[in-house]
């Protein structure tokens, strides 16, 4: 119980939702611009601390992945219905693929357990 409370508290403090940089609005085009001061320089959309994050973010969408993982083929159908983004739909297919792999692994483990129990009688 003590460890679960510590985990919950640490997840609250390490949450990626809370940002330590201000969010400013441009009055001209009403777009949101994130401004961060790191060693007296600002980071805009063209520069990144880690260049791999831009590559990964362009080819993977966590929402589509979770939609495919949780809902399976229904999630992929919903992705096709409600999104025109090809990355979102591809990520939904990846989620279905992971779901199928997990399902096969669980079935194999259940079959192995059943075979081991049946051989003891």
PDB file of N, CA and C in Angstrom:
ATOM      1  N   UNK A   1       0.818  -1.183   0.000  1.00  0.00           N
ATOM      2  CA  UNK A   1       0.000   0.000   0.000  1.00  0.00           C
ATOM      3  C   UNK A   1       0.867   1.254   0.000  1.00  0.00           C
ATOM      4  N   UNK A   2       1.954   1.195   0.782  1.00  0.00           N
ATOM      5  CA  UNK A   2       2.836   2.334   0.884  1.00  0.00           C
ATOM      6  C   UNK A   2       3.485   2.634  -0.470  1.00  0.00           C
ATOM      7  N   UNK A   3       3.860   1.581  -1.202  1.00  0.00           N
ATOM      8  CA  UNK A   3       4.512   1.775  -2.492  1.00  0.00           C
ATOM      9  C   UNK A   3       3.542   2.282  -3.547  1.00  0.00           C
ATOM     10  N   UNK A   4       2.297   1.857  -3.486  1.00  0.00           N
ATOM     11  CA  UNK A   4       1.331   2.338  -4.472  1.00  0.00           C
ATOM     12  C   UNK A   4       1.041   3.823  -4.276  1.00  0.00           C
ATOM     13  N   UNK A   5       1.020   4.283  -3.039  1.00  0.00           N
ATOM     14  CA  UNK A   5       0.817   5.710  -2.779  1.00  0.00           C
ATOM     15  C   UNK A   5       2.015   6.502  -3.286  1.00  0.00           C
ATOM     16  N   UNK A   6       3.218   5.983  -3.096  1.00  0.00           N
ATOM     17  CA  UNK A   6       4.412   6.659  -3.596  1.00  0.00           C
ATOM     18  C   UNK A   6       4.416   6.714  -5.123  1.00  0.00           C
ATOM     19  N   UNK A   7       3.955   5.670  -5.766  1.00  0.00           N
ATOM     20  CA  UNK A   7       3.897   5.658  -7.230  1.00  0.00           C
ATOM     21  C   UNK A   7       2.908   6.695  -7.738  1.00  0.00           C
ATOM     22  N   UNK A   8       1.742   6.770  -7.103  1.00  0.00           N
ATOM     23  CA  UNK A   8       0.738   7.744  -7.529  1.00  0.00           C
ATOM     24  C   UNK A   8       1.249   9.163  -7.330  1.00  0.00           C
ATOM     25  N   UNK A   9       1.881   9.427  -6.204  1.00  0.00           N
ATOM     26  CA  UNK A   9       2.420  10.764  -5.939  1.00  0.00           C
ATOM     27  C   UNK A   9       3.520  11.113  -6.929  1.00  0.00           C
ATOM     28  N   UNK A  10       4.407  10.152  -7.230  1.00  0.00           N
ATOM     29  CA  UNK A  10       5.481  10.433  -8.182  1.00  0.00           C
ATOM     30  C   UNK A  10       4.940  10.646  -9.587  1.00  0.00           C
ATOM     31  N   UNK A  11       3.867   9.938  -9.965  1.00  0.00           N
ATOM     32  CA  UNK A  11       3.274  10.160 -11.281  1.00  0.00           C
ATOM     33  C   UNK A  11       2.630  11.535 -11.387  1.00  0.00           C
ATOM     34  N   UNK A  12       2.113  12.037 -10.282  1.00  0.00           N
ATOM     35  CA  UNK A  12       1.530  13.372 -10.305  1.00  0.00           C
ATOM     36  C   UNK A  12       2.593  14.442 -10.490  1.00  0.00           C
ATOM     37  N   UNK A  13       3.771  14.254  -9.899  1.00  0.00           N
ATOM     38  CA  UNK A  13       4.813  15.253  -9.998  1.00  0.00           C
ATOM     39  C   UNK A  13       5.629  15.127 -11.274  1.00  0.00           C
ATOM     40  N   UNK A  14       5.655  13.951 -11.901  1.00  0.00           N
ATOM     41  CA  UNK A  14       6.437  13.743 -13.119  1.00  0.00           C
ATOM     42  C   UNK A  14       5.520  13.785 -14.338  1.00  0.00           C
ATOM     43  N   UNK A  15       4.365  14.310 -14.199  1.00  0.00           N
ATOM     44  CA  UNK A  15       3.386  14.341 -15.282  1.00  0.00           C
ATOM     45  C   UNK A  15       3.855  15.243 -16.421  1.00  0.00           C
ATOM     46  N   UNK A  16       3.732  14.772 -17.665  1.00  0.00           N
ATOM     47  CA  UNK A  16       4.129  15.624 -18.797  1.00  0.00           C
ATOM     48  C   UNK A  16       3.102  16.717 -19.093  1.00  0.00           C
ATOM     49  N   UNK A  17       1.971  16.694 -18.426  1.00  0.00           N
ATOM     50  CA  UNK A  17       0.935  17.692 -18.675  1.00  0.00           C
ATOM     51  C   UNK A  17       1.360  19.058 -18.148  1.00  0.00           C
ATOM     52  N   UNK A  18       2.020  19.076 -17.012  1.00  0.00           N
ATOM     53  CA  UNK A  18       2.431  20.354 -16.457  1.00  0.00           C
ATOM     54  C   UNK A  18       3.686  20.827 -17.178  1.00  0.00           C
ATOM     55  N   UNK A  19       3.625  21.996 -17.764  1.00  0.00           N
ATOM     56  CA  UNK A  19       4.752  22.539 -18.514  1.00  0.00           C
ATOM     57  C   UNK A  19       5.387  23.655 -17.701  1.00  0.00           C
ATOM     58  N   UNK A  20       6.683  23.798 -17.856  1.00  0.00           N
ATOM     59  CA  UNK A  20       7.388  24.831 -17.107  1.00  0.00           C
ATOM     60  C   UNK A  20       7.707  26.027 -17.996  1.00  0.00           C
ATOM     61  N   UNK A  21       7.024  26.152 -19.121  1.00  0.00           N
ATOM     62  CA  UNK A  21       7.248  27.287 -19.990  1.00  0.00           C
ATOM     63  C   UNK A  21       5.913  27.960 -20.293  1.00  0.00           C
ATOM     64  N   UNK A  22       5.968  29.267 -20.532  1.00  0.00           N
ATOM     65  CA  UNK A  22       4.707  29.981 -20.765  1.00  0.00           C
ATOM     66  C   UNK A  22       4.151  29.705 -22.167  1.00  0.00           C
ATOM     67  N   UNK A  23       2.843  29.769 -22.280  1.00  0.00           N
ATOM     68  CA  UNK A  23       2.171  29.637 -23.567  1.00  0.00           C
ATOM     69  C   UNK A  23       1.629  31.007 -23.934  1.00  0.00           C
ATOM     70  N   UNK A  24       2.089  31.525 -25.094  1.00  0.00           N
ATOM     71  CA  UNK A  24       1.687  32.867 -25.512  1.00  0.00           C
ATOM     72  C   UNK A  24       0.865  32.769 -26.789  1.00  0.00           C
ATOM     73  N   UNK A  25      -0.068  33.697 -26.946  1.00  0.00           N
ATOM     74  CA  UNK A  25      -0.897  33.759 -28.157  1.00  0.00           C
ATOM     75  C   UNK A  25      -0.414  34.904 -29.035  1.00  0.00           C
ATOM     76  N   UNK A  26      -0.343  34.612 -30.342  1.00  0.00           N
ATOM     77  CA  UNK A  26      -0.092  35.678 -31.302  1.00  0.00           C
ATOM     78  C   UNK A  26      -1.404  36.385 -31.579  1.00  0.00           C
ATOM     79  N   UNK A  27      -1.386  37.703 -31.583  1.00  0.00           N
ATOM     80  CA  UNK A  27      -2.612  38.445 -31.851  1.00  0.00           C
ATOM     81  C   UNK A  27      -2.934  38.468 -33.336  1.00  0.00           C
ATOM     82  N   UNK A  28      -1.902  38.272 -34.176  1.00  0.00           N
ATOM     83  CA  UNK A  28      -2.115  38.382 -35.613  1.00  0.00           C
ATOM     84  C   UNK A  28      -2.867  37.185 -36.180  1.00  0.00           C
ATOM     85  N   UNK A  29      -2.377  35.952 -35.893  1.00  0.00           N
ATOM     86  CA  UNK A  29      -3.007  34.783 -36.514  1.00  0.00           C
ATOM     87  C   UNK A  29      -3.656  33.851 -35.501  1.00  0.00           C
ATOM     88  N   UNK A  30      -3.746  34.263 -34.255  1.00  0.00           N
ATOM     89  CA  UNK A  30      -4.429  33.519 -33.195  1.00  0.00           C
ATOM     90  C   UNK A  30      -3.867  32.113 -32.972  1.00  0.00           C
ATOM     91  N   UNK A  31      -2.665  31.827 -33.440  1.00  0.00           N
ATOM     92  CA  UNK A  31      -2.078  30.509 -33.210  1.00  0.00           C
ATOM     93  C   UNK A  31      -1.331  30.504 -31.883  1.00  0.00           C
ATOM     94  N   UNK A  32      -1.246  29.340 -31.303  1.00  0.00           N
ATOM     95  CA  UNK A  32      -0.570  29.202 -30.020  1.00  0.00           C
ATOM     96  C   UNK A  32       0.906  28.946 -30.273  1.00  0.00           C
ATOM     97  N   UNK A  33       1.749  29.694 -29.608  1.00  0.00           N
ATOM     98  CA  UNK A  33       3.181  29.554 -29.777  1.00  0.00           C
ATOM     99  C   UNK A  33       3.794  29.189 -28.423  1.00  0.00           C
ATOM    100  N   UNK A  34       4.524  28.112 -28.409  1.00  0.00           N
ATOM    101  CA  UNK A  34       5.185  27.683 -27.188  1.00  0.00           C
ATOM    102  C   UNK A  34       6.575  28.306 -27.131  1.00  0.00           C
ATOM    103  N   UNK A  35       6.864  28.919 -26.013  1.00  0.00           N
ATOM    104  CA  UNK A  35       8.140  29.590 -25.867  1.00  0.00           C
ATOM    105  C   UNK A  35       8.858  28.997 -24.666  1.00  0.00           C
ATOM    106  N   UNK A  36      10.097  28.588 -24.873  1.00  0.00           N
ATOM    107  CA  UNK A  36      10.880  28.043 -23.772  1.00  0.00           C
ATOM    108  C   UNK A  36      12.244  28.702 -23.761  1.00  0.00           C
ATOM    109  N   UNK A  37      12.694  29.089 -22.615  1.00  0.00           N
ATOM    110  CA  UNK A  37      14.016  29.681 -22.484  1.00  0.00           C
ATOM    111  C   UNK A  37      14.979  28.628 -21.959  1.00  0.00           C
ATOM    112  N   UNK A  38      15.867  28.192 -22.822  1.00  0.00           N
ATOM    113  CA  UNK A  38      16.894  27.235 -22.436  1.00  0.00           C
ATOM    114  C   UNK A  38      18.231  27.849 -22.816  1.00  0.00           C
ATOM    115  N   UNK A  39      19.007  28.165 -21.845  1.00  0.00           N
ATOM    116  CA  UNK A  39      20.324  28.787 -21.982  1.00  0.00           C
ATOM    117  C   UNK A  39      20.236  30.015 -22.895  1.00  0.00           C
ATOM    118  N   UNK A  40      19.350  30.928 -22.540  1.00  0.00           N
ATOM    119  CA  UNK A  40      19.148  32.199 -23.220  1.00  0.00           C
ATOM    120  C   UNK A  40      18.787  32.060 -24.695  1.00  0.00           C
ATOM    121  N   UNK A  41      18.156  30.966 -25.075  1.00  0.00           N
ATOM    122  CA  UNK A  41      17.690  30.819 -26.457  1.00  0.00           C
ATOM    123  C   UNK A  41      16.271  30.283 -26.434  1.00  0.00           C
ATOM    124  N   UNK A  42      15.539  30.551 -27.486  1.00  0.00           N
ATOM    125  CA  UNK A  42      14.172  30.067 -27.560  1.00  0.00           C
ATOM    126  C   UNK A  42      14.095  28.914 -28.534  1.00  0.00           C
ATOM    127  N   UNK A  43      13.139  28.023 -28.282  1.00  0.00           N
ATOM    128  CA  UNK A  43      12.910  26.875 -29.152  1.00  0.00           C
ATOM    129  C   UNK A  43      11.619  27.117 -29.892  1.00  0.00           C
ATOM    130  N   UNK A  44      11.666  27.043 -31.207  1.00  0.00           N
ATOM    131  CA  UNK A  44      10.434  27.158 -31.982  1.00  0.00           C
ATOM    132  C   UNK A  44      10.162  25.824 -32.656  1.00  0.00           C
ATOM    133  N   UNK A  45       9.225  25.802 -33.610  1.00  0.00           N
ATOM    134  CA  UNK A  45       8.830  24.547 -34.239  1.00  0.00           C
ATOM    135  C   UNK A  45       9.929  23.948 -35.115  1.00  0.00           C
ATOM    136  N   UNK A  46      10.854  24.763 -35.594  1.00  0.00           N
ATOM    137  CA  UNK A  46      11.875  24.240 -36.509  1.00  0.00           C
ATOM    138  C   UNK A  46      13.033  23.579 -35.785  1.00  0.00           C
ATOM    139  N   UNK A  47      13.266  23.931 -34.525  1.00  0.00           N
ATOM    140  CA  UNK A  47      14.361  23.322 -33.777  1.00  0.00           C
ATOM    141  C   UNK A  47      13.804  22.449 -32.676  1.00  0.00           C
ATOM    142  N   UNK A  48      14.578  21.446 -32.323  1.00  0.00           N
ATOM    143  CA  UNK A  48      14.148  20.534 -31.274  1.00  0.00           C
ATOM    144  C   UNK A  48      15.359  20.115 -30.470  1.00  0.00           C
ATOM    145  N   UNK A  49      15.127  19.785 -29.208  1.00  0.00           N
ATOM    146  CA  UNK A  49      16.214  19.310 -28.373  1.00  0.00           C
ATOM    147  C   UNK A  49      16.701  17.957 -28.879  1.00  0.00           C
ATOM    148  N   UNK A  50      15.777  17.086 -29.200  1.00  0.00           N
ATOM    149  CA  UNK A  50      16.101  15.752 -29.702  1.00  0.00           C
ATOM    150  C   UNK A  50      15.547  15.626 -31.113  1.00  0.00           C
ATOM    151  N   UNK A  51      16.403  15.468 -32.129  1.00  0.00           N
ATOM    152  CA  UNK A  51      15.896  15.391 -33.500  1.00  0.00           C
ATOM    153  C   UNK A  51      15.069  14.141 -33.766  1.00  0.00           C
ATOM    154  N   UNK A  52      15.228  13.085 -32.949  1.00  0.00           N
ATOM    155  CA  UNK A  52      14.459  11.867 -33.162  1.00  0.00           C
ATOM    156  C   UNK A  52      12.991  12.049 -32.829  1.00  0.00           C
ATOM    157  N   UNK A  53      12.664  12.990 -31.950  1.00  0.00           N
ATOM    158  CA  UNK A  53      11.260  13.182 -31.597  1.00  0.00           C
ATOM    159  C   UNK A  53      10.452  13.679 -32.781  1.00  0.00           C
ATOM    160  N   UNK A  54      11.042  14.507 -33.633  1.00  0.00           N
ATOM    161  CA  UNK A  54      10.316  14.968 -34.818  1.00  0.00           C
ATOM    162  C   UNK A  54      10.085  13.825 -35.789  1.00  0.00           C
ATOM    163  N   UNK A  55      11.056  12.918 -35.942  1.00  0.00           N
ATOM    164  CA  UNK A  55      10.913  11.789 -36.856  1.00  0.00           C
ATOM    165  C   UNK A  55       9.841  10.839 -36.345  1.00  0.00           C
ATOM    166  N   UNK A  56       9.874  10.526 -35.059  1.00  0.00           N
ATOM    167  CA  UNK A  56       8.912   9.595 -34.482  1.00  0.00           C
ATOM    168  C   UNK A  56       7.518  10.210 -34.473  1.00  0.00           C
ATOM    169  N   UNK A  57       7.411  11.478 -34.150  1.00  0.00           N
ATOM    170  CA  UNK A  57       6.100  12.122 -34.073  1.00  0.00           C
ATOM    171  C   UNK A  57       5.437  12.218 -35.438  1.00  0.00           C
ATOM    172  N   UNK A  58       6.225  12.282 -36.513  1.00  0.00           N
ATOM    173  CA  UNK A  58       5.646  12.369 -37.842  1.00  0.00           C
ATOM    174  C   UNK A  58       5.085  11.042 -38.323  1.00  0.00           C
ATOM    175  N   UNK A  59       5.516   9.919 -37.730  1.00  0.00           N
ATOM    176  CA  UNK A  59       5.125   8.617 -38.245  1.00  0.00           C
ATOM    177  C   UNK A  59       4.302   7.791 -37.267  1.00  0.00           C
ATOM    178  N   UNK A  60       3.947   8.344 -36.107  1.00  0.00           N
ATOM    179  CA  UNK A  60       3.228   7.578 -35.101  1.00  0.00           C
ATOM    180  C   UNK A  60       2.277   8.494 -34.356  1.00  0.00           C
ATOM    181  N   UNK A  61       1.074   8.008 -34.127  1.00  0.00           N
ATOM    182  CA  UNK A  61       0.076   8.758 -33.381  1.00  0.00           C
ATOM    183  C   UNK A  61      -0.437   7.876 -32.251  1.00  0.00           C
ATOM    184  N   UNK A  62      -0.239   8.293 -31.015  1.00  0.00           N
ATOM    185  CA  UNK A  62      -0.590   7.467 -29.867  1.00  0.00           C
ATOM    186  C   UNK A  62      -2.103   7.280 -29.767  1.00  0.00           C
ATOM    187  N   UNK A  63      -2.892   8.271 -30.196  1.00  0.00           N
ATOM    188  CA  UNK A  63      -4.339   8.132 -30.150  1.00  0.00           C
ATOM    189  C   UNK A  63      -4.840   7.044 -31.081  1.00  0.00           C
ATOM    190  N   UNK A  64      -4.299   7.013 -32.294  1.00  0.00           N
ATOM    191  CA  UNK A  64      -4.679   5.962 -33.242  1.00  0.00           C
ATOM    192  C   UNK A  64      -4.228   4.594 -32.773  1.00  0.00           C
ATOM    193  N   UNK A  65      -3.024   4.534 -32.194  1.00  0.00           N
ATOM    194  CA  UNK A  65      -2.507   3.266 -31.687  1.00  0.00           C
ATOM    195  C   UNK A  65      -3.402   2.720 -30.575  1.00  0.00           C
ATOM    196  N   UNK A  66      -3.766   3.578 -29.627  1.00  0.00           N
ATOM    197  CA  UNK A  66      -4.624   3.137 -28.530  1.00  0.00           C
ATOM    198  C   UNK A  66      -6.019   2.770 -29.020  1.00  0.00           C
ATOM    199  N   UNK A  67      -6.502   3.479 -30.039  1.00  0.00           N
ATOM    200  CA  UNK A  67      -7.803   3.148 -30.613  1.00  0.00           C
ATOM    201  C   UNK A  67      -7.780   1.743 -31.212  1.00  0.00           C
ATOM    202  N   UNK A  68      -6.726   1.418 -31.948  1.00  0.00           N
ATOM    203  CA  UNK A  68      -6.602   0.083 -32.524  1.00  0.00           C
ATOM    204  C   UNK A  68      -6.331  -0.978 -31.483  1.00  0.00           C
ATOM    205  N   UNK A  69      -5.540  -0.644 -30.469  1.00  0.00           N
ATOM    206  CA  UNK A  69      -5.195  -1.619 -29.434  1.00  0.00           C
ATOM    207  C   UNK A  69      -6.402  -1.971 -28.576  1.00  0.00           C
ATOM    208  N   UNK A  70      -7.180  -0.983 -28.199  1.00  0.00           N
ATOM    209  CA  UNK A  70      -8.302  -1.224 -27.290  1.00  0.00           C
ATOM    210  C   UNK A  70      -9.528  -1.762 -28.033  1.00  0.00           C
ATOM    211  N   UNK A  71      -9.823  -1.204 -29.206  1.00  0.00           N
ATOM    212  CA  UNK A  71     -11.049  -1.574 -29.899  1.00  0.00           C
ATOM    213  C   UNK A  71     -10.849  -2.534 -31.071  1.00  0.00           C
ATOM    214  N   UNK A  72      -9.615  -2.805 -31.437  1.00  0.00           N
ATOM    215  CA  UNK A  72      -9.352  -3.756 -32.517  1.00  0.00           C
ATOM    216  C   UNK A  72      -9.800  -3.225 -33.866  1.00  0.00           C
ATOM    217  N   UNK A  73     -10.448  -4.067 -34.655  1.00  0.00           N
ATOM    218  CA  UNK A  73     -10.887  -3.674 -35.994  1.00  0.00           C
ATOM    219  C   UNK A  73     -11.966  -2.598 -35.951  1.00  0.00           C
ATOM    220  N   UNK A  74     -12.736  -2.563 -34.893  1.00  0.00           N
ATOM    221  CA  UNK A  74     -13.717  -1.484 -34.729  1.00  0.00           C
ATOM    222  C   UNK A  74     -12.994  -0.146 -34.595  1.00  0.00           C
ATOM    223  N   UNK A  75     -11.877  -0.139 -33.888  1.00  0.00           N
ATOM    224  CA  UNK A  75     -11.081   1.076 -33.750  1.00  0.00           C
ATOM    225  C   UNK A  75     -10.507   1.544 -35.079  1.00  0.00           C
ATOM    226  N   UNK A  76     -10.082   0.599 -35.917  1.00  0.00           N
ATOM    227  CA  UNK A  76      -9.578   0.966 -37.241  1.00  0.00           C
ATOM    228  C   UNK A  76     -10.714   1.539 -38.086  1.00  0.00           C
ATOM    229  N   UNK A  77     -11.887   0.927 -37.997  1.00  0.00           N
ATOM    230  CA  UNK A  77     -13.041   1.447 -38.740  1.00  0.00           C
ATOM    231  C   UNK A  77     -13.390   2.866 -38.272  1.00  0.00           C
ATOM    232  N   UNK A  78     -13.323   3.102 -36.965  1.00  0.00           N
ATOM    233  CA  UNK A  78     -13.572   4.450 -36.448  1.00  0.00           C
ATOM    234  C   UNK A  78     -12.502   5.434 -36.912  1.00  0.00           C
ATOM    235  N   UNK A  79     -11.257   4.962 -36.998  1.00  0.00           N
ATOM    236  CA  UNK A  79     -10.182   5.827 -37.487  1.00  0.00           C
ATOM    237  C   UNK A  79     -10.431   6.219 -38.940  1.00  0.00           C
ATOM    238  N   UNK A  80     -10.893   5.269 -39.762  1.00  0.00           N
ATOM    239  CA  UNK A  80     -11.209   5.589 -41.151  1.00  0.00           C
ATOM    240  C   UNK A  80     -12.398   6.550 -41.244  1.00  0.00           C
ATOM    241  N   UNK A  81     -13.381   6.388 -40.363  1.00  0.00           N
ATOM    242  CA  UNK A  81     -14.566   7.234 -40.420  1.00  0.00           C
ATOM    243  C   UNK A  81     -14.303   8.673 -39.979  1.00  0.00           C
ATOM    244  N   UNK A  82     -13.533   8.821 -38.908  1.00  0.00           N
ATOM    245  CA  UNK A  82     -13.412  10.132 -38.287  1.00  0.00           C
ATOM    246  C   UNK A  82     -12.105  10.855 -38.558  1.00  0.00           C
ATOM    247  N   UNK A  83     -11.184  10.264 -39.299  1.00  0.00           N
ATOM    248  CA  UNK A  83      -9.906  10.919 -39.522  1.00  0.00           C
ATOM    249  C   UNK A  83      -9.465  10.761 -40.971  1.00  0.00           C
ATOM    250  N   UNK A  84      -8.929  11.815 -41.509  1.00  0.00           N
ATOM    251  CA  UNK A  84      -8.331  11.783 -42.846  1.00  0.00           C
ATOM    252  C   UNK A  84      -6.811  11.639 -42.759  1.00  0.00           C
ATOM    253  N   UNK A  85      -6.275  11.677 -41.547  1.00  0.00           N
ATOM    254  CA  UNK A  85      -4.836  11.610 -41.332  1.00  0.00           C
ATOM    255  C   UNK A  85      -4.342  10.182 -41.537  1.00  0.00           C
ATOM    256  N   UNK A  86      -3.428  10.001 -42.481  1.00  0.00           N
ATOM    257  CA  UNK A  86      -2.916   8.659 -42.787  1.00  0.00           C
ATOM    258  C   UNK A  86      -2.066   8.107 -41.649  1.00  0.00           C
ATOM    259  N   UNK A  87      -1.372   8.977 -40.913  1.00  0.00           N
ATOM    260  CA  UNK A  87      -0.553   8.529 -39.785  1.00  0.00           C
ATOM    261  C   UNK A  87      -1.440   7.983 -38.674  1.00  0.00           C
ATOM    262  N   UNK A  88      -2.577   8.642 -38.442  1.00  0.00           N
ATOM    263  CA  UNK A  88      -3.527   8.193 -37.421  1.00  0.00           C
ATOM    264  C   UNK A  88      -4.068   6.807 -37.772  1.00  0.00           C
ATOM    265  N   UNK A  89      -4.434   6.614 -39.038  1.00  0.00           N
ATOM    266  CA  UNK A  89      -4.988   5.329 -39.480  1.00  0.00           C
ATOM    267  C   UNK A  89      -3.921   4.244 -39.433  1.00  0.00           C
ATOM    268  N   UNK A  90      -2.697   4.578 -39.851  1.00  0.00           N
ATOM    269  CA  UNK A  90      -1.602   3.601 -39.810  1.00  0.00           C
ATOM    270  C   UNK A  90      -1.307   3.199 -38.367  1.00  0.00           C
ATOM    271  N   UNK A  91      -1.346   4.154 -37.454  1.00  0.00           N
ATOM    272  CA  UNK A  91      -1.107   3.835 -36.047  1.00  0.00           C
ATOM    273  C   UNK A  91      -2.215   2.955 -35.486  1.00  0.00           C
ATOM    274  N   UNK A  92      -3.452   3.149 -35.964  1.00  0.00           N
ATOM    275  CA  UNK A  92      -4.549   2.272 -35.539  1.00  0.00           C
ATOM    276  C   UNK A  92      -4.294   0.839 -36.006  1.00  0.00           C
ATOM    277  N   UNK A  93      -3.790   0.690 -37.226  1.00  0.00           N
ATOM    278  CA  UNK A  93      -3.437  -0.655 -37.712  1.00  0.00           C
ATOM    279  C   UNK A  93      -2.306  -1.270 -36.884  1.00  0.00           C
ATOM    280  N   UNK A  94      -1.330  -0.453 -36.483  1.00  0.00           N
ATOM    281  CA  UNK A  94      -0.261  -0.954 -35.601  1.00  0.00           C
ATOM    282  C   UNK A  94      -0.846  -1.431 -34.272  1.00  0.00           C
ATOM    283  N   UNK A  95      -1.814  -0.695 -33.755  1.00  0.00           N
ATOM    284  CA  UNK A  95      -2.469  -1.103 -32.510  1.00  0.00           C
ATOM    285  C   UNK A  95      -3.180  -2.435 -32.655  1.00  0.00           C
ATOM    286  N   UNK A  96      -3.850  -2.660 -33.802  1.00  0.00           N
ATOM    287  CA  UNK A  96      -4.503  -3.946 -34.044  1.00  0.00           C
ATOM    288  C   UNK A  96      -3.456  -5.056 -34.142  1.00  0.00           C
ATOM    289  N   UNK A  97      -2.338  -4.755 -34.783  1.00  0.00           N
ATOM    290  CA  UNK A  97      -1.263  -5.754 -34.886  1.00  0.00           C
ATOM    291  C   UNK A  97      -0.725  -6.163 -33.526  1.00  0.00           C
ATOM    292  N   UNK A  98      -0.508  -5.193 -32.663  1.00  0.00           N
ATOM    293  CA  UNK A  98      -0.030  -5.499 -31.310  1.00  0.00           C
ATOM    294  C   UNK A  98      -1.096  -6.275 -30.548  1.00  0.00           C
ATOM    295  N   UNK A  99      -2.371  -5.930 -30.745  1.00  0.00           N
ATOM    296  CA  UNK A  99      -3.473  -6.650 -30.100  1.00  0.00           C
ATOM    297  C   UNK A  99      -3.482  -8.107 -30.536  1.00  0.00           C
ATOM    298  N   UNK A 100      -3.292  -8.366 -31.831  1.00  0.00           N
ATOM    299  CA  UNK A 100      -3.276  -9.746 -32.342  1.00  0.00           C
ATOM    300  C   UNK A 100      -2.096 -10.521 -31.759  1.00  0.00           C
ATOM    301  N   UNK A 101      -0.928  -9.889 -31.716  1.00  0.00           N
ATOM    302  CA  UNK A 101       0.258 -10.565 -31.158  1.00  0.00           C
ATOM    303  C   UNK A 101       0.034 -10.904 -29.686  1.00  0.00           C
ATOM    304  N   UNK A 102      -0.497  -9.961 -28.912  1.00  0.00           N
ATOM    305  CA  UNK A 102      -0.771 -10.236 -27.498  1.00  0.00           C
ATOM    306  C   UNK A 102      -1.811 -11.341 -27.338  1.00  0.00           C
ATOM    307  N   UNK A 103      -2.836 -11.349 -28.196  1.00  0.00           N
ATOM    308  CA  UNK A 103      -3.872 -12.376 -28.140  1.00  0.00           C
ATOM    309  C   UNK A 103      -3.280 -13.751 -28.431  1.00  0.00           C
ATOM    310  N   UNK A 104      -2.411 -13.852 -29.444  1.00  0.00           N
ATOM    311  CA  UNK A 104      -1.783 -15.134 -29.782  1.00  0.00           C
ATOM    312  C   UNK A 104      -0.868 -15.602 -28.654  1.00  0.00           C
ATOM    313  N   UNK A 105      -0.125 -14.680 -28.052  1.00  0.00           N
ATOM    314  CA  UNK A 105       0.752 -15.053 -26.933  1.00  0.00           C
ATOM    315  C   UNK A 105      -0.051 -15.548 -25.732  1.00  0.00           C
ATOM    316  N   UNK A 106      -1.163 -14.901 -25.459  1.00  0.00           N
ATOM    317  CA  UNK A 106      -1.998 -15.337 -24.334  1.00  0.00           C
ATOM    318  C   UNK A 106      -2.617 -16.696 -24.622  1.00  0.00           C
ATOM    319  N   UNK A 107      -3.069 -16.909 -25.858  1.00  0.00           N
ATOM    320  CA  UNK A 107      -3.610 -18.223 -26.227  1.00  0.00           C
ATOM    321  C   UNK A 107      -2.549 -19.316 -26.128  1.00  0.00           C
ATOM    322  N   UNK A 108      -1.328 -19.015 -26.571  1.00  0.00           N
ATOM    323  CA  UNK A 108      -0.248 -20.001 -26.493  1.00  0.00           C
ATOM    324  C   UNK A 108       0.082 -20.326 -25.039  1.00  0.00           C
ATOM    325  N   UNK A 109       0.093 -19.307 -24.179  1.00  0.00           N
ATOM    326  CA  UNK A 109       0.366 -19.546 -22.762  1.00  0.00           C
ATOM    327  C   UNK A 109      -0.751 -20.369 -22.129  1.00  0.00           C
ATOM    328  N   UNK A 110      -1.998 -20.094 -22.509  1.00  0.00           N
ATOM    329  CA  UNK A 110      -3.121 -20.863 -21.961  1.00  0.00           C
ATOM    330  C   UNK A 110      -3.072 -22.308 -22.443  1.00  0.00           C
ATOM    331  N   UNK A 111      -2.712 -22.508 -23.715  1.00  0.00           N
ATOM    332  CA  UNK A 111      -2.613 -23.870 -24.251  1.00  0.00           C
ATOM    333  C   UNK A 111      -1.486 -24.640 -23.575  1.00  0.00           C
ATOM    334  N   UNK A 112      -0.358 -23.981 -23.341  1.00  0.00           N
ATOM    335  CA  UNK A 112       0.765 -24.641 -22.680  1.00  0.00           C
ATOM    336  C   UNK A 112       0.408 -24.996 -21.242  1.00  0.00           C
ATOM    337  N   UNK A 113      -0.293 -24.106 -20.567  1.00  0.00           N
ATOM    338  CA  UNK A 113      -0.706 -24.376 -19.195  1.00  0.00           C
ATOM    339  C   UNK A 113      -1.697 -25.526 -19.145  1.00  0.00           C
ATOM    340  N   UNK A 114      -2.635 -25.545 -20.082  1.00  0.00           N
ATOM    341  CA  UNK A 114      -3.620 -26.617 -20.135  1.00  0.00           C
ATOM    342  C   UNK A 114      -2.958 -27.956 -20.428  1.00  0.00           C
ATOM    343  N   UNK A 115      -1.979 -27.959 -21.328  1.00  0.00           N
ATOM    344  CA  UNK A 115      -1.262 -29.189 -21.644  1.00  0.00           C
ATOM    345  C   UNK A 115      -0.449 -29.679 -20.444  1.00  0.00           C
ATOM    346  N   UNK A 116       0.137 -28.744 -19.696  1.00  0.00           N
ATOM    347  CA  UNK A 116       0.936 -29.139 -18.529  1.00  0.00           C
ATOM    348  C   UNK A 116       0.044 -29.690 -17.434  1.00  0.00           C
ATOM    349  N   UNK A 117      -1.124 -29.103 -17.252  1.00  0.00           N
ATOM    350  CA  UNK A 117      -2.053 -29.600 -16.230  1.00  0.00           C
ATOM    351  C   UNK A 117      -2.626 -30.946 -16.648  1.00  0.00           C
ATOM    352  N   UNK A 118      -2.937 -31.106 -17.917  1.00  0.00           N
ATOM    353  CA  UNK A 118      -3.512 -32.366 -18.391  1.00  0.00           C
ATOM    354  C   UNK A 118      -2.502 -33.511 -18.311  1.00  0.00           C
ATOM    355  N   UNK A 119      -1.221 -33.233 -18.461  1.00  0.00           N
ATOM    356  CA  UNK A 119      -0.208 -34.287 -18.408  1.00  0.00           C
ATOM    357  C   UNK A 119       0.056 -34.767 -16.982  1.00  0.00           C
ATOM    358  N   UNK A 120      -0.371 -34.017 -15.982  1.00  0.00           N
ATOM    359  CA  UNK A 120      -0.157 -34.429 -14.599  1.00  0.00           C
ATOM    360  C   UNK A 120      -1.177 -35.468 -14.140  1.00  0.00           C
ATOM    361  N   UNK A 121      -2.289 -35.624 -14.880  1.00  0.00           N
ATOM    362  CA  UNK A 121      -3.322 -36.593 -14.483  1.00  0.00           C
ATOM    363  C   UNK A 121      -3.071 -37.881 -15.142  1.00  0.00           C
TER     364      UNK A 121
END
